PDB file of N, CA and C in Angstrom:
ATOM      1  N   MET A   1     -52.375 112.064 -61.676  1.00  0.00           N
ATOM      2  CA  MET A   1     -51.457 113.142 -61.961  1.00  0.00           C
ATOM      3  C   MET A   1     -51.688 114.333 -61.041  1.00  0.00           C
ATOM      4  N   THR A   2     -52.942 114.676 -60.810  1.00  0.00           N
ATOM      5  CA  THR A   2     -53.200 115.791 -59.908  1.00  0.00           C
ATOM      6  C   THR A   2     -52.948 115.401 -58.461  1.00  0.00           C
ATOM      7  N   HIS A   3     -52.996 114.091 -58.194  1.00  0.00           N
ATOM      8  CA  HIS A   3     -52.716 113.637 -56.831  1.00  0.00           C
ATOM      9  C   HIS A   3     -51.277 113.947 -56.452  1.00  0.00           C
ATOM     10  N   ASP A   4     -50.359 113.788 -57.379  1.00  0.00           N
ATOM     11  CA  ASP A   4     -48.958 114.101 -57.113  1.00  0.00           C
ATOM     12  C   ASP A   4     -48.776 115.596 -56.858  1.00  0.00           C
ATOM     13  N   ARG A   5     -49.460 116.419 -57.636  1.00  0.00           N
ATOM     14  CA  ARG A   5     -49.391 117.867 -57.449  1.00  0.00           C
ATOM     15  C   ARG A   5     -49.983 118.256 -56.103  1.00  0.00           C
ATOM     16  N   SER A   6     -51.080 117.616 -55.746  1.00  0.00           N
ATOM     17  CA  SER A   6     -51.714 117.916 -54.455  1.00  0.00           C
ATOM     18  C   SER A   6     -50.814 117.530 -53.292  1.00  0.00           C
ATOM     19  N   SER A   7     -50.162 116.386 -53.398  1.00  0.00           N
ATOM     20  CA  SER A   7     -49.281 115.974 -52.305  1.00  0.00           C
ATOM     21  C   SER A   7     -48.078 116.913 -52.191  1.00  0.00           C
ATOM     22  N   ARG A   8     -47.579 117.383 -53.316  1.00  0.00           N
ATOM     23  CA  ARG A   8     -46.469 118.349 -53.253  1.00  0.00           C
ATOM     24  C   ARG A   8     -46.911 119.661 -52.608  1.00  0.00           C
ATOM     25  N   LEU A   9     -48.101 120.116 -52.937  1.00  0.00           N
ATOM     26  CA  LEU A   9     -48.603 121.353 -52.337  1.00  0.00           C
ATOM     27  C   LEU A   9     -48.832 121.193 -50.837  1.00  0.00           C
ATOM     28  N   ILE A  10     -49.277 120.028 -50.411  1.00  0.00           N
ATOM     29  CA  ILE A  10     -49.459 119.781 -48.979  1.00  0.00           C
ATOM     30  C   ILE A  10     -48.110 119.778 -48.262  1.00  0.00           C
ATOM     31  N   ILE A  11     -47.103 119.167 -48.879  1.00  0.00           N
ATOM     32  CA  ILE A  11     -45.760 119.162 -48.288  1.00  0.00           C
ATOM     33  C   ILE A  11     -45.216 120.576 -48.186  1.00  0.00           C
ATOM     34  N   VAL A  12     -45.398 121.377 -49.230  1.00  0.00           N
ATOM     35  CA  VAL A  12     -44.945 122.777 -49.216  1.00  0.00           C
ATOM     36  C   VAL A  12     -45.669 123.547 -48.115  1.00  0.00           C
ATOM     37  N   PHE A  13     -46.968 123.309 -47.961  1.00  0.00           N
ATOM     38  CA  PHE A  13     -47.730 123.967 -46.910  1.00  0.00           C
ATOM     39  C   PHE A  13     -47.169 123.651 -45.532  1.00  0.00           C
ATOM     40  N   VAL A  14     -46.890 122.386 -45.280  1.00  0.00           N
ATOM     41  CA  VAL A  14     -46.380 121.976 -43.965  1.00  0.00           C
ATOM     42  C   VAL A  14     -44.995 122.566 -43.715  1.00  0.00           C
ATOM     43  N   VAL A  15     -44.124 122.557 -44.728  1.00  0.00           N
ATOM     44  CA  VAL A  15     -42.767 123.103 -44.565  1.00  0.00           C
ATOM     45  C   VAL A  15     -42.828 124.596 -44.259  1.00  0.00           C
ATOM     46  N   PHE A  16     -43.649 125.329 -45.003  1.00  0.00           N
ATOM     47  CA  PHE A  16     -43.732 126.765 -44.756  1.00  0.00           C
ATOM     48  C   PHE A  16     -44.481 127.082 -43.473  1.00  0.00           C
ATOM     49  N   LEU A  17     -45.367 126.221 -43.054  1.00  0.00           N
ATOM     50  CA  LEU A  17     -46.019 126.400 -41.758  1.00  0.00           C
ATOM     51  C   LEU A  17     -44.990 126.303 -40.636  1.00  0.00           C
ATOM     52  N   VAL A  18     -44.069 125.362 -40.751  1.00  0.00           N
ATOM     53  CA  VAL A  18     -43.001 125.224 -39.763  1.00  0.00           C
ATOM     54  C   VAL A  18     -42.078 126.441 -39.811  1.00  0.00           C
ATOM     55  N   LEU A  19     -41.745 126.907 -41.012  1.00  0.00           N
ATOM     56  CA  LEU A  19     -40.852 128.065 -41.141  1.00  0.00           C
ATOM     57  C   LEU A  19     -41.468 129.345 -40.596  1.00  0.00           C
ATOM     58  N   LEU A  20     -42.796 129.411 -40.550  1.00  0.00           N
ATOM     59  CA  LEU A  20     -43.469 130.609 -40.056  1.00  0.00           C
ATOM     60  C   LEU A  20     -44.059 130.416 -38.664  1.00  0.00           C
ATOM     61  N   ASN A  21     -43.555 129.431 -37.936  1.00  0.00           N
ATOM     62  CA  ASN A  21     -44.030 129.167 -36.589  1.00  0.00           C
ATOM     63  C   ASN A  21     -43.115 129.842 -35.564  1.00  0.00           C
ATOM     64  N   PHE A  22     -43.566 129.923 -34.321  1.00  0.00           N
ATOM     65  CA  PHE A  22     -42.866 130.708 -33.308  1.00  0.00           C
ATOM     66  C   PHE A  22     -41.398 130.353 -33.074  1.00  0.00           C
ATOM     67  N   PRO A  23     -41.027 129.118 -32.846  1.00  0.00           N
ATOM     68  CA  PRO A  23     -39.614 128.879 -32.507  1.00  0.00           C
ATOM     69  C   PRO A  23     -38.642 129.342 -33.597  1.00  0.00           C
ATOM     70  N   VAL A  24     -39.019 129.180 -34.846  1.00  0.00           N
ATOM     71  CA  VAL A  24     -38.140 129.616 -35.933  1.00  0.00           C
ATOM     72  C   VAL A  24     -38.149 131.136 -36.046  1.00  0.00           C
ATOM     73  N   LEU A  25     -39.310 131.737 -35.878  1.00  0.00           N
ATOM     74  CA  LEU A  25     -39.394 133.199 -35.958  1.00  0.00           C
ATOM     75  C   LEU A  25     -38.603 133.879 -34.845  1.00  0.00           C
ATOM     76  N   SER A  26     -38.528 133.262 -33.692  1.00  0.00           N
ATOM     77  CA  SER A  26     -37.801 133.882 -32.578  1.00  0.00           C
ATOM     78  C   SER A  26     -36.296 133.930 -32.830  1.00  0.00           C
ATOM     79  N   ILE A  27     -35.802 133.070 -33.703  1.00  0.00           N
ATOM     80  CA  ILE A  27     -34.375 133.100 -34.047  1.00  0.00           C
ATOM     81  C   ILE A  27     -34.029 134.405 -34.759  1.00  0.00           C
ATOM     82  N   PHE A  28     -34.948 134.881 -35.599  1.00  0.00           N
ATOM     83  CA  PHE A  28     -34.675 136.056 -36.422  1.00  0.00           C
ATOM     84  C   PHE A  28     -35.163 137.349 -35.797  1.00  0.00           C
ATOM     85  N   ASP A  29     -35.669 137.312 -34.606  1.00  0.00           N
ATOM     86  CA  ASP A  29     -36.167 138.524 -33.950  1.00  0.00           C
ATOM     87  C   ASP A  29     -35.041 139.232 -33.200  1.00  0.00           C
ATOM     88  N   GLN A  30     -34.029 139.623 -33.941  1.00  0.00           N
ATOM     89  CA  GLN A  30     -32.879 140.331 -33.375  1.00  0.00           C
ATOM     90  C   GLN A  30     -32.551 141.528 -34.257  1.00  0.00           C
ATOM     91  N   PRO A  31     -32.153 142.627 -33.669  1.00  0.00           N
ATOM     92  CA  PRO A  31     -31.808 143.787 -34.491  1.00  0.00           C
ATOM     93  C   PRO A  31     -30.505 143.539 -35.267  1.00  0.00           C
ATOM     94  N   VAL A  32     -30.523 143.941 -36.502  1.00  0.00           N
ATOM     95  CA  VAL A  32     -29.324 143.879 -37.340  1.00  0.00           C
ATOM     96  C   VAL A  32     -29.080 145.280 -37.863  1.00  0.00           C
ATOM     97  N   PHE A  33     -28.123 145.530 -38.581  1.00  0.00           N
ATOM     98  CA  PHE A  33     -27.827 146.830 -39.184  1.00  0.00           C
ATOM     99  C   PHE A  33     -27.762 147.941 -38.132  1.00  0.00           C
ATOM    100  N   GLN A  34     -27.387 149.094 -38.554  1.00  0.00           N
ATOM    101  CA  GLN A  34     -27.245 150.226 -37.628  1.00  0.00           C
ATOM    102  C   GLN A  34     -28.588 150.862 -37.296  1.00  0.00           C
ATOM    103  N   THR A  35     -29.574 150.631 -38.107  1.00  0.00           N
ATOM    104  CA  THR A  35     -30.887 151.220 -37.855  1.00  0.00           C
ATOM    105  C   THR A  35     -31.722 150.387 -36.888  1.00  0.00           C
ATOM    106  N   LYS A  36     -31.152 149.304 -36.380  1.00  0.00           N
ATOM    107  CA  LYS A  36     -31.822 148.407 -35.424  1.00  0.00           C
ATOM    108  C   LYS A  36     -33.069 147.766 -36.026  1.00  0.00           C
ATOM    109  N   THR A  37     -33.066 147.558 -37.338  1.00  0.00           N
ATOM    110  CA  THR A  37     -34.169 146.881 -38.007  1.00  0.00           C
ATOM    111  C   THR A  37     -34.083 145.388 -37.715  1.00  0.00           C
ATOM    112  N   PRO A  38     -35.156 144.789 -37.221  1.00  0.00           N
ATOM    113  CA  PRO A  38     -35.107 143.354 -36.935  1.00  0.00           C
ATOM    114  C   PRO A  38     -34.935 142.524 -38.211  1.00  0.00           C
ATOM    115  N   ALA A  39     -34.170 141.473 -38.106  1.00  0.00           N
ATOM    116  CA  ALA A  39     -33.969 140.562 -39.234  1.00  0.00           C
ATOM    117  C   ALA A  39     -35.255 139.815 -39.541  1.00  0.00           C
ATOM    118  N   LEU A  40     -36.197 139.841 -38.610  1.00  0.00           N
ATOM    119  CA  LEU A  40     -37.476 139.178 -38.801  1.00  0.00           C
ATOM    120  C   LEU A  40     -38.213 139.710 -40.024  1.00  0.00           C
ATOM    121  N   TYR A  41     -38.152 140.999 -40.277  1.00  0.00           N
ATOM    122  CA  TYR A  41     -38.818 141.584 -41.440  1.00  0.00           C
ATOM    123  C   TYR A  41     -38.251 141.013 -42.733  1.00  0.00           C
ATOM    124  N   PHE A  42     -36.940 140.960 -42.829  1.00  0.00           N
ATOM    125  CA  PHE A  42     -36.309 140.427 -44.034  1.00  0.00           C
ATOM    126  C   PHE A  42     -36.602 138.934 -44.192  1.00  0.00           C
ATOM    127  N   TYR A  43     -36.601 138.213 -43.086  1.00  0.00           N
ATOM    128  CA  TYR A  43     -36.896 136.788 -43.117  1.00  0.00           C
ATOM    129  C   TYR A  43     -38.317 136.536 -43.608  1.00  0.00           C
ATOM    130  N   LEU A  44     -39.284 137.289 -43.096  1.00  0.00           N
ATOM    131  CA  LEU A  44     -40.678 137.095 -43.503  1.00  0.00           C
ATOM    132  C   LEU A  44     -40.879 137.389 -44.986  1.00  0.00           C
ATOM    133  N   PHE A  45     -40.287 138.473 -45.479  1.00  0.00           N
ATOM    134  CA  PHE A  45     -40.426 138.790 -46.894  1.00  0.00           C
ATOM    135  C   PHE A  45     -39.735 137.758 -47.770  1.00  0.00           C
ATOM    136  N   PHE A  46     -38.595 137.232 -47.330  1.00  0.00           N
ATOM    137  CA  PHE A  46     -37.895 136.209 -48.101  1.00  0.00           C
ATOM    138  C   PHE A  46     -38.698 134.913 -48.142  1.00  0.00           C
ATOM    139  N   ILE A  47     -39.259 134.493 -47.018  1.00  0.00           N
ATOM    140  CA  ILE A  47     -40.063 133.275 -46.961  1.00  0.00           C
ATOM    141  C   ILE A  47     -41.334 133.430 -47.797  1.00  0.00           C
ATOM    142  N   TRP A  48     -41.935 134.604 -47.747  1.00  0.00           N
ATOM    143  CA  TRP A  48     -43.138 134.878 -48.528  1.00  0.00           C
ATOM    144  C   TRP A  48     -42.834 134.783 -50.026  1.00  0.00           C
ATOM    145  N   LEU A  49     -41.733 135.399 -50.455  1.00  0.00           N
ATOM    146  CA  LEU A  49     -41.325 135.326 -51.852  1.00  0.00           C
ATOM    147  C   LEU A  49     -41.004 133.896 -52.261  1.00  0.00           C
ATOM    148  N   LEU A  50     -40.308 133.172 -51.412  1.00  0.00           N
ATOM    149  CA  LEU A  50     -39.966 131.783 -51.692  1.00  0.00           C
ATOM    150  C   LEU A  50     -41.228 130.920 -51.814  1.00  0.00           C
ATOM    151  N   LEU A  51     -42.215 131.164 -50.969  1.00  0.00           N
ATOM    152  CA  LEU A  51     -43.477 130.429 -51.037  1.00  0.00           C
ATOM    153  C   LEU A  51     -44.181 130.670 -52.369  1.00  0.00           C
ATOM    154  N   ILE A  52     -44.218 131.908 -52.812  1.00  0.00           N
ATOM    155  CA  ILE A  52     -44.859 132.236 -54.083  1.00  0.00           C
ATOM    156  C   ILE A  52     -44.153 131.549 -55.244  1.00  0.00           C
ATOM    157  N   VAL A  53     -42.830 131.556 -55.235  1.00  0.00           N
ATOM    158  CA  VAL A  53     -42.069 130.935 -56.316  1.00  0.00           C
ATOM    159  C   VAL A  53     -42.270 129.423 -56.330  1.00  0.00           C
ATOM    160  N   VAL A  54     -42.184 128.792 -55.177  1.00  0.00           N
ATOM    161  CA  VAL A  54     -42.309 127.331 -55.107  1.00  0.00           C
ATOM    162  C   VAL A  54     -43.709 126.881 -55.526  1.00  0.00           C
ATOM    163  N   VAL A  55     -44.737 127.540 -55.032  1.00  0.00           N
ATOM    164  CA  VAL A  55     -46.102 127.172 -55.413  1.00  0.00           C
ATOM    165  C   VAL A  55     -46.325 127.440 -56.900  1.00  0.00           C
ATOM    166  N   GLY A  56     -45.790 128.528 -57.404  1.00  0.00           N
ATOM    167  CA  GLY A  56     -45.907 128.813 -58.827  1.00  0.00           C
ATOM    168  C   GLY A  56     -45.251 127.756 -59.683  1.00  0.00           C
ATOM    169  N   LEU A  57     -44.084 127.284 -59.274  1.00  0.00           N
ATOM    170  CA  LEU A  57     -43.411 126.230 -60.033  1.00  0.00           C
ATOM    171  C   LEU A  57     -44.189 124.910 -59.996  1.00  0.00           C
ATOM    172  N   ILE A  58     -44.764 124.599 -58.865  1.00  0.00           N
ATOM    173  CA  ILE A  58     -45.532 123.352 -58.757  1.00  0.00           C
ATOM    174  C   ILE A  58     -46.802 123.430 -59.610  1.00  0.00           C
ATOM    175  N   VAL A  59     -47.493 124.532 -59.548  1.00  0.00           N
ATOM    176  CA  VAL A  59     -48.761 124.673 -60.275  1.00  0.00           C
ATOM    177  C   VAL A  59     -48.499 124.797 -61.780  1.00  0.00           C
ATOM    178  N   ARG A  60     -47.442 125.465 -62.151  1.00  0.00           N
ATOM    179  CA  ARG A  60     -47.155 125.700 -63.568  1.00  0.00           C
ATOM    180  C   ARG A  60     -46.636 124.449 -64.275  1.00  0.00           C
ATOM    181  N   ASN A  61     -46.035 123.539 -63.562  1.00  0.00           N
ATOM    182  CA  ASN A  61     -45.463 122.342 -64.156  1.00  0.00           C
ATOM    183  C   ASN A  61     -46.588 121.488 -64.752  1.00  0.00           C
ATOM    184  N   LYS A  62     -46.666 121.442 -66.090  1.00  0.00           N
ATOM    185  CA  LYS A  62     -47.765 120.755 -66.765  1.00  0.00           C
ATOM    186  C   LYS A  62     -47.429 119.338 -67.181  1.00  0.00           C
ATOM    187  N   LYS A  63     -46.219 118.870 -66.932  1.00  0.00           N
ATOM    188  CA  LYS A  63     -45.845 117.513 -67.288  1.00  0.00           C
ATOM    189  C   LYS A  63     -46.518 116.500 -66.385  1.00  0.00           C
ATOM    190  N   GLN A  64     -46.934 116.913 -65.216  1.00  0.00           N
ATOM    191  CA  GLN A  64     -47.472 115.965 -64.240  1.00  0.00           C
ATOM    192  C   GLN A  64     -48.960 115.956 -64.228  1.00  0.00           C
TER     193      GLN A  64
END
């Protein structure tokens, strides 16, 4: 049962590692809005929040 949870956490780690790697980050390194704030900041905070939620759901799921 914990093996399934561990494999899911490893998959989540690899997916988020790819999302936080250079080629993907360079896509969002462009100014948006009138204040010239890079979209990279919003992307990083969104990915960080998504990582916390996904890991929390995997760890909290007690059926497995």
